[in-house]
Amino acid sequence: MKKAYNETWVDNISNQNTIKEWYDESVLNDKQYDRAMGLFPVDFYQPNMFIEFGLFIFTNLAISATFGFLAITIFEDILNTSNGLAIVCMAYCVLLLFLLEYFIRSRKLYRSGTDNALLYVAIGSLLTAICGFTDFKWHLHTYFIVSLVVFIPFLLRYGDPFVAVGIYVAWIGFWFALAISYPAGKDLLPFIIMGVSVIGYVAAKWWQKNNESAYYADAQVCIETGALITFYLGGNYWMVREGHAFLNNMDVSTEVNFAPLFYVLTIVIPLGYLIWGLKNKDRKMVLVGIGATWFDVFTFRYYFSDLPIEWFMTIGGAFLAAFAVWGMWFFRTPKWGLTNKQSLTNQDRDFEAFLLNQVLPHQGQGDKMKFGGGDFGGGGSGSKY
């Protein structure tokens, strides 16, 4: 599917971010930095975070006000029926998508707040229209699979990370809703969630391997991270036990089947994330592992400790925060092949070679780039991390 944004500029944003990191680390001097940035021009309108947030809020308010005005004037009678609501929402979706495409082409917007708001409301209007046409009579898992089908084209065209989150939520929601429709599915739900999480993770990794464009990089990260989180939650003892009680309308949770297995999974999965993440220099997996460890502390306290939960969570959170800060400080310079710097991918190394080839010939004899002790000078460590 044709992409809405200029893919070259999107890739150049990623390249410019890398160049800025190298400049901050004194890998490039001022002259080299200016030349390197000039090699990767970006003509998008990208306001700072505060303006972007303001534009997002303002656009949502404008959309809501317009829809509200039309609802109480022109469409008041139509909106009283499900089909009328669906028709209006469908028309609203088409209008918003037209405005979105127009602003992207004419104003060169890229995640500037305005285009985000138009995209999200357009998707919401389309989903509302589908619910209206079906009069909200389909099974829940059917709506999840329809939502998944709706989200995918939007992701392919716009590459928005929040749309990727919606896709993964719809994916997990479909299997969850389908499983709880059957008595056996409720008992097997933890294993089902863990299984489909593995599928989601493998799919995200396959996508990253076969499409290294920065256009979908954030979306790929969202799906990969979501898969890691749901895989852990699927095996967490607290989630399994309390979820089983909730689905079976029990006032007090009781011991679940295979409890020893979930005890082990609750401990082993975060530990595996930390070990595997450090071994493979995967920062996302390490961060999820730290968060899962905190949730392990909560799970342990919930069933096996009399310490007030406020104190337990505060102490545990403070310990993890202190450990994270210490880790960032300790690995600010590489040790044992580990560092707090971003790992280089094959694409990064290709970009590095290209950039150095473009910049180095223009140096003076006394103007040498400062590299570290490894194959790549950015962090002074080997190119394998």
Protein backbone atom coordinates (compact mmCIF):
# COMPACT_ATOMS: atom_id res chain seq x y z
CA MET A 1 0.00 0.00 0.00
CA LYS A 2 1.21 3.49 -0.86
CA LYS A 3 2.43 5.42 2.16
CA ALA A 4 0.87 8.74 3.12
CA TYR A 5 4.07 10.37 4.33
CA ASN A 6 7.28 10.89 2.38
CA GLU A 7 9.21 7.75 3.32
CA THR A 8 12.59 9.27 2.50
CA TRP A 9 11.99 12.12 4.94
CA VAL A 10 10.86 9.67 7.60
CA ASP A 11 14.09 7.71 7.15
CA ASN A 12 16.02 10.97 7.24
CA ILE A 13 14.48 11.83 10.62
CA SER A 14 15.94 8.60 11.98
CA ASN A 15 19.28 9.36 10.37
CA GLN A 16 19.29 12.89 11.80
CA ASN A 17 18.60 11.54 15.28
CA THR A 18 21.62 9.26 14.94
CA ILE A 19 23.75 12.16 13.75
CA LYS A 20 22.65 14.26 16.73
CA GLU A 21 23.63 11.45 19.09
CA TRP A 22 27.07 11.23 17.52
CA TYR A 23 27.45 15.00 17.73
CA ASP A 24 26.49 15.01 21.41
CA GLU A 25 29.11 12.33 22.00
CA SER A 26 31.74 14.44 20.17
CA VAL A 27 32.09 11.92 17.37
CA LEU A 28 31.39 14.73 14.89
CA ASN A 29 32.62 18.30 15.10
CA ASP A 30 30.49 21.32 14.14
CA LYS A 31 31.50 21.33 10.47
CA GLN A 32 30.97 17.60 10.08
CA TYR A 33 27.65 17.81 11.90
CA ASP A 34 26.33 20.53 9.59
CA ARG A 35 27.44 18.63 6.50
CA ALA A 36 25.99 15.36 7.75
CA MET A 37 22.63 16.94 8.58
CA GLY A 38 22.56 18.49 5.11
CA LEU A 39 22.84 15.05 3.56
CA PHE A 40 19.47 14.06 5.03
CA PRO A 41 16.98 16.90 4.57
CA VAL A 42 13.53 16.79 6.18
CA ASP A 43 10.76 19.13 5.09
CA PHE A 44 8.02 17.96 7.47
CA TYR A 45 6.29 20.34 9.84
CA GLN A 46 7.31 19.02 13.26
CA PRO A 47 6.51 21.28 16.21
CA ASN A 48 7.91 20.71 19.67
CA MET A 49 6.14 18.40 22.09
CA PHE A 50 4.06 21.11 23.78
CA ILE A 51 2.78 22.61 20.52
CA GLU A 52 2.08 19.12 19.20
CA PHE A 53 0.02 18.28 22.28
CA GLY A 54 -1.82 21.60 21.99
CA LEU A 55 -2.62 21.01 18.33
CA PHE A 56 -3.88 17.52 19.17
CA ILE A 57 -6.23 18.86 21.85
CA PHE A 58 -7.38 21.79 19.71
CA THR A 59 -8.11 19.55 16.71
CA ASN A 60 -10.11 17.14 18.85
CA LEU A 61 -12.10 20.02 20.31
CA ALA A 62 -12.78 21.41 16.82
CA ILE A 63 -13.91 18.00 15.57
CA SER A 64 -16.14 17.44 18.62
CA ALA A 65 -17.67 20.91 18.36
CA THR A 66 -18.41 20.47 14.66
CA PHE A 67 -19.97 17.06 15.15
CA GLY A 68 -21.99 18.29 18.13
CA PHE A 69 -23.29 21.28 16.21
CA LEU A 70 -24.33 19.13 13.27
CA ALA A 71 -25.87 16.56 15.61
CA ILE A 72 -28.24 19.07 17.21
CA THR A 73 -29.13 20.86 13.99
CA ILE A 74 -29.02 18.87 10.75
CA PHE A 75 -28.66 15.26 11.96
CA GLU A 76 -30.83 15.33 15.07
CA ASP A 77 -33.53 13.02 13.67
CA ILE A 78 -31.12 10.76 11.78
CA LEU A 79 -29.02 9.99 14.86
CA ASN A 80 -32.00 8.47 16.67
CA THR A 81 -31.51 5.16 14.81
CA SER A 82 -28.51 2.83 14.60
CA ASN A 83 -28.40 3.01 10.81
CA GLY A 84 -28.65 6.79 10.91
CA LEU A 85 -25.75 6.96 13.36
CA ALA A 86 -23.76 4.63 11.13
CA ILE A 87 -24.38 6.71 8.00
CA VAL A 88 -23.39 9.95 9.71
CA CYS A 89 -20.24 8.37 11.20
CA MET A 90 -19.26 6.91 7.84
CA ALA A 91 -19.66 10.30 6.15
CA TYR A 92 -17.68 11.90 8.99
CA CYS A 93 -14.91 9.32 8.53
CA VAL A 94 -14.65 10.06 4.81
CA LEU A 95 -14.53 13.82 5.48
CA LEU A 96 -11.83 13.47 8.13
CA LEU A 97 -9.69 11.24 5.92
CA PHE A 98 -9.99 13.78 3.10
CA LEU A 99 -8.82 16.54 5.44
CA LEU A 100 -6.02 14.32 6.75
CA GLU A 101 -4.69 13.60 3.28
CA TYR A 102 -5.02 17.23 2.28
CA PHE A 103 -3.08 18.51 5.30
CA ILE A 104 -0.37 15.90 4.88
CA ARG A 105 0.17 16.93 1.25
CA SER A 106 -0.28 20.69 1.56
CA ARG A 107 1.05 21.35 5.08
CA LYS A 108 3.58 18.50 5.13
CA LEU A 109 2.44 17.34 8.55
CA TYR A 110 4.08 14.38 10.27
CA ARG A 111 2.83 13.40 13.72
CA SER A 112 2.28 17.06 14.46
CA GLY A 113 -0.83 16.60 16.59
CA THR A 114 -3.35 17.68 13.97
CA ASP A 115 -2.85 14.67 11.70
CA ASN A 116 -2.84 12.32 14.71
CA ALA A 117 -6.19 13.63 15.90
CA LEU A 118 -7.77 13.42 12.44
CA LEU A 119 -6.53 9.86 12.01
CA TYR A 120 -7.74 8.59 15.39
CA VAL A 121 -11.18 10.19 15.13
CA ALA A 122 -11.57 8.89 11.56
CA ILE A 123 -10.81 5.34 12.72
CA GLY A 124 -13.18 5.73 15.67
CA SER A 125 -15.92 7.00 13.36
CA LEU A 126 -15.45 4.06 11.02
CA LEU A 127 -15.63 1.53 13.87
CA THR A 128 -18.72 3.28 15.23
CA ALA A 129 -20.32 3.09 11.80
CA ILE A 130 -19.68 -0.66 11.64
CA CYS A 131 -21.23 -1.13 15.08
CA GLY A 132 -24.21 0.97 14.01
CA PHE A 133 -24.83 -0.99 10.80
CA THR A 134 -24.75 -4.25 12.77
CA ASP A 135 -26.92 -2.74 15.52
CA PHE A 136 -24.33 -3.93 18.09
CA LYS A 137 -25.61 -7.52 17.72
CA TRP A 138 -22.45 -9.33 16.71
CA HIS A 139 -20.41 -11.35 19.18
CA LEU A 140 -17.59 -9.49 20.91
CA HIS A 141 -14.85 -11.55 19.24
CA THR A 142 -16.34 -10.68 15.83
CA TYR A 143 -16.01 -6.97 16.54
CA PHE A 144 -12.39 -7.51 17.58
CA ILE A 145 -11.52 -9.30 14.35
CA VAL A 146 -13.32 -6.61 12.31
CA SER A 147 -11.37 -3.96 14.20
CA LEU A 148 -8.17 -5.80 13.36
CA VAL A 149 -9.07 -5.77 9.67
CA VAL A 150 -9.89 -2.04 9.87
CA PHE A 151 -6.67 -1.11 11.65
CA ILE A 152 -4.24 -2.88 9.30
CA PRO A 153 -4.73 -0.65 6.19
CA PHE A 154 -4.42 2.46 8.35
CA LEU A 155 -1.17 1.14 9.82
CA LEU A 156 0.26 0.30 6.41
CA ARG A 157 -0.55 3.75 5.05
CA TYR A 158 0.28 5.96 8.04
CA GLY A 159 2.66 3.84 10.14
CA ASP A 160 1.23 5.29 13.34
CA PRO A 161 2.40 3.56 16.56
CA PHE A 162 -0.94 4.01 18.34
CA VAL A 163 -2.68 2.27 15.45
CA ALA A 164 -0.19 -0.57 15.97
CA VAL A 165 -1.24 -0.67 19.64
CA GLY A 166 -4.85 -0.88 18.48
CA ILE A 167 -3.96 -3.80 16.21
CA TYR A 168 -2.31 -5.71 19.00
CA VAL A 169 -5.15 -5.01 21.44
CA ALA A 170 -7.63 -6.25 18.83
CA TRP A 171 -5.50 -9.36 18.26
CA ILE A 172 -5.36 -10.23 21.95
CA GLY A 173 -8.97 -9.17 22.48
CA PHE A 174 -10.18 -11.49 19.73
CA TRP A 175 -8.60 -14.56 21.30
CA PHE A 176 -9.65 -13.50 24.79
CA ALA A 177 -13.29 -12.99 23.78
CA LEU A 178 -13.33 -16.20 21.76
CA ALA A 179 -11.82 -18.25 24.59
CA ILE A 180 -14.22 -17.08 27.30
CA SER A 181 -17.14 -18.07 25.07
CA TYR A 182 -16.46 -21.69 26.01
CA PRO A 183 -16.06 -23.26 29.48
CA ALA A 184 -12.86 -25.02 28.46
CA GLY A 185 -11.55 -21.77 26.99
CA LYS A 186 -11.69 -20.07 30.39
CA ASP A 187 -9.46 -22.76 31.86
CA LEU A 188 -7.03 -22.63 28.95
CA LEU A 189 -7.07 -18.82 28.65
CA PRO A 190 -3.60 -18.21 30.19
CA PHE A 191 -2.00 -20.63 27.74
CA ILE A 192 -3.97 -19.17 24.84
CA ILE A 193 -2.83 -15.64 25.68
CA MET A 194 0.77 -16.77 26.01
CA GLY A 195 0.56 -18.64 22.72
CA VAL A 196 -0.86 -15.77 20.69
CA SER A 197 1.66 -13.43 22.35
CA VAL A 198 4.45 -15.60 20.98
CA ILE A 199 2.85 -15.40 17.55
CA GLY A 200 2.66 -11.61 17.82
CA TYR A 201 6.30 -11.36 18.91
CA VAL A 202 7.53 -13.62 16.10
CA ALA A 203 5.46 -11.64 13.58
CA ALA A 204 6.95 -8.35 14.79
CA LYS A 205 10.48 -9.75 14.58
CA TRP A 206 9.82 -11.11 11.10
CA TRP A 207 8.47 -7.72 10.04
CA GLN A 208 11.53 -5.95 11.40
CA LYS A 209 13.84 -8.37 9.60
CA ASN A 210 12.09 -7.99 6.25
CA ASN A 211 11.35 -4.25 6.42
CA GLU A 212 13.97 -2.11 8.13
CA SER A 213 12.49 1.19 6.98
CA ALA A 214 12.07 3.72 9.77
CA TYR A 215 8.51 4.30 8.53
CA TYR A 216 7.22 1.37 10.60
CA ALA A 217 9.92 1.27 13.28
CA ASP A 218 7.78 2.69 16.10
CA ALA A 219 4.85 0.46 15.18
CA GLN A 220 7.09 -2.60 15.24
CA VAL A 221 8.40 -1.66 18.67
CA CYS A 222 4.85 -1.26 20.01
CA ILE A 223 3.78 -4.70 18.81
CA GLU A 224 6.95 -6.36 20.05
CA THR A 225 6.69 -4.73 23.47
CA GLY A 226 2.99 -5.54 23.72
CA ALA A 227 3.74 -9.20 23.00
CA LEU A 228 6.35 -9.31 25.77
CA ILE A 229 3.92 -7.76 28.24
CA THR A 230 0.95 -10.01 27.44
CA PHE A 231 3.13 -13.13 27.46
CA TYR A 232 4.20 -12.30 31.01
CA LEU A 233 0.70 -11.36 32.16
CA GLY A 234 -0.67 -14.59 30.69
CA GLY A 235 1.55 -16.58 33.04
CA ASN A 236 1.48 -14.29 36.07
CA TYR A 237 -0.10 -16.04 39.07
CA TRP A 238 -2.05 -12.97 40.25
CA MET A 239 -3.52 -12.35 36.80
CA VAL A 240 -4.47 -16.01 36.37
CA ARG A 241 -6.03 -16.42 39.81
CA GLU A 242 -7.90 -13.11 39.96
CA GLY A 243 -8.89 -13.33 36.31
CA HIS A 244 -10.30 -16.82 36.87
CA ALA A 245 -12.36 -15.51 39.80
CA PHE A 246 -13.64 -12.56 37.75
CA LEU A 247 -14.66 -14.66 34.75
CA ASN A 248 -16.49 -17.14 36.99
CA ASN A 249 -18.25 -14.45 39.08
CA MET A 250 -16.52 -15.51 42.29
CA ASP A 251 -16.45 -13.09 45.21
CA VAL A 252 -13.16 -14.46 46.52
CA SER A 253 -10.46 -16.02 44.36
CA THR A 254 -9.37 -19.57 45.08
CA GLU A 255 -6.37 -21.65 44.13
CA VAL A 256 -6.30 -22.38 40.39
CA ASN A 257 -5.33 -25.50 38.51
CA PHE A 258 -1.63 -25.83 37.72
CA ALA A 259 -0.84 -23.27 40.44
CA PRO A 260 2.79 -24.50 40.85
CA LEU A 261 3.34 -23.95 37.13
CA PHE A 262 2.14 -20.34 37.38
CA TYR A 263 4.33 -19.80 40.46
CA VAL A 264 7.29 -20.83 38.35
CA LEU A 265 6.25 -18.77 35.32
CA THR A 266 5.75 -15.68 37.47
CA ILE A 267 9.38 -15.87 38.58
CA VAL A 268 11.03 -17.34 35.49
CA ILE A 269 9.58 -15.07 32.79
CA PRO A 270 10.92 -11.73 34.22
CA LEU A 271 14.25 -13.41 34.97
CA GLY A 272 14.35 -14.77 31.43
CA TYR A 273 13.57 -11.35 30.02
CA LEU A 274 16.44 -9.78 31.96
CA ILE A 275 18.97 -12.47 31.09
CA TRP A 276 17.96 -12.80 27.44
CA GLY A 277 17.67 -9.03 27.04
CA LEU A 278 21.15 -8.43 28.44
CA LYS A 279 22.62 -11.30 26.45
CA ASN A 280 21.16 -10.02 23.17
CA LYS A 281 21.48 -6.31 24.01
CA ASP A 282 17.70 -5.87 23.74
CA ARG A 283 16.77 -2.79 25.75
CA LYS A 284 13.02 -3.27 25.30
CA MET A 285 13.15 -6.75 26.79
CA VAL A 286 15.25 -5.55 29.72
CA LEU A 287 12.82 -2.72 30.49
CA VAL A 288 9.82 -5.07 30.31
CA GLY A 289 11.74 -7.48 32.53
CA ILE A 290 12.26 -4.74 35.12
CA GLY A 291 8.56 -3.86 35.02
CA ALA A 292 7.61 -7.54 35.30
CA THR A 293 9.91 -7.88 38.30
CA TRP A 294 8.06 -5.03 39.98
CA PHE A 295 4.76 -6.79 39.28
CA ASP A 296 6.24 -9.96 40.79
CA VAL A 297 6.86 -7.98 43.96
CA PHE A 298 3.22 -6.88 43.94
CA THR A 299 2.05 -10.47 43.34
CA PHE A 300 4.15 -11.81 46.21
CA ARG A 301 2.95 -9.14 48.60
CA TYR A 302 -0.70 -9.65 47.63
CA TYR A 303 -0.74 -13.24 48.83
CA PHE A 304 2.22 -13.71 51.15
CA SER A 305 2.90 -10.50 53.10
CA ASP A 306 1.16 -8.39 55.73
CA LEU A 307 3.12 -5.24 54.90
CA PRO A 308 0.74 -2.48 53.74
CA ILE A 309 0.59 -2.42 49.97
CA GLU A 310 1.46 1.29 49.83
CA TRP A 311 4.73 0.64 51.67
CA PHE A 312 5.48 -2.48 49.67
CA MET A 313 4.94 -0.79 46.31
CA THR A 314 6.86 2.31 47.37
CA ILE A 315 9.82 0.31 48.61
CA GLY A 316 9.80 -1.97 45.58
CA GLY A 317 9.43 0.92 43.14
CA ALA A 318 12.19 2.90 44.84
CA PHE A 319 14.49 -0.11 44.71
CA LEU A 320 13.84 -0.71 41.00
CA ALA A 321 14.24 2.99 40.17
CA ALA A 322 17.51 3.14 42.09
CA PHE A 323 18.68 -0.05 40.38
CA ALA A 324 17.81 1.39 36.94
CA VAL A 325 19.65 4.66 37.67
CA TRP A 326 22.66 2.74 38.97
CA GLY A 327 22.64 0.52 35.89
CA MET A 328 22.59 3.54 33.54
CA TRP A 329 25.47 5.10 35.48
CA PHE A 330 27.48 1.88 35.71
CA PHE A 331 27.14 1.07 32.01
CA ARG A 332 27.72 4.61 30.78
CA THR A 333 31.03 3.17 29.58
CA PRO A 334 30.99 -0.37 28.13
CA LYS A 335 31.59 -3.24 30.55
CA TRP A 336 31.43 -6.95 29.66
CA GLY A 337 30.17 -5.99 26.20
CA LEU A 338 27.21 -4.06 27.68
CA THR A 339 26.40 -0.36 27.54
CA ASN A 340 23.40 1.91 28.03
CA LYS A 341 23.81 3.14 24.47
CA GLN A 342 21.51 2.01 21.67
CA SER A 343 22.72 -1.12 19.87
CA LEU A 344 23.68 -0.82 16.25
CA THR A 345 21.59 -2.79 13.77
CA ASN A 346 22.85 -3.86 10.37
CA GLN A 347 21.00 -0.89 8.90
CA ASP A 348 22.77 1.44 11.36
CA ARG A 349 26.15 0.06 10.31
CA ASP A 350 25.33 0.63 6.64
CA PHE A 351 24.31 4.17 7.50
CA GLU A 352 27.51 4.65 9.52
CA ALA A 353 29.67 3.53 6.62
CA PHE A 354 27.83 5.80 4.20
CA LEU A 355 28.01 8.82 6.50
CA LEU A 356 31.71 8.42 7.26
CA ASN A 357 32.39 8.04 3.56
CA GLN A 358 30.60 11.33 2.91
CA VAL A 359 32.04 13.28 5.84
CA LEU A 360 35.62 12.07 6.29
CA PRO A 361 36.99 13.20 2.91
CA HIS A 362 36.11 16.79 3.81
CA GLN A 363 38.17 16.88 7.01
CA GLY A 364 41.32 18.87 7.38
CA GLN A 365 44.57 17.23 8.45
CA GLY A 366 44.20 18.56 11.99
CA ASP A 367 40.50 17.86 12.23
CA LYS A 368 40.16 14.20 13.10
CA MET A 369 37.08 12.39 14.30
CA LYS A 370 37.31 11.10 17.87
CA PHE A 371 36.55 7.41 18.04
CA GLY A 372 36.53 5.18 21.08
CA GLY A 373 38.33 1.93 21.68
CA GLY A 374 36.09 -0.34 19.60
CA ASP A 375 34.98 -0.83 16.03
CA PHE A 376 32.53 2.03 16.25
CA GLY A 377 33.52 5.24 17.95
CA GLY A 378 30.12 6.31 19.27
CA GLY A 379 30.38 4.38 22.52
CA GLY A 380 33.93 3.10 22.42
CA SER A 381 32.78 -0.50 22.21
CA GLY A 382 32.60 -3.18 19.59
CA SER A 383 30.13 -3.06 16.74
CA LYS A 384 28.44 -6.25 17.94
CA TYR A 385 26.49 -4.67 20.77
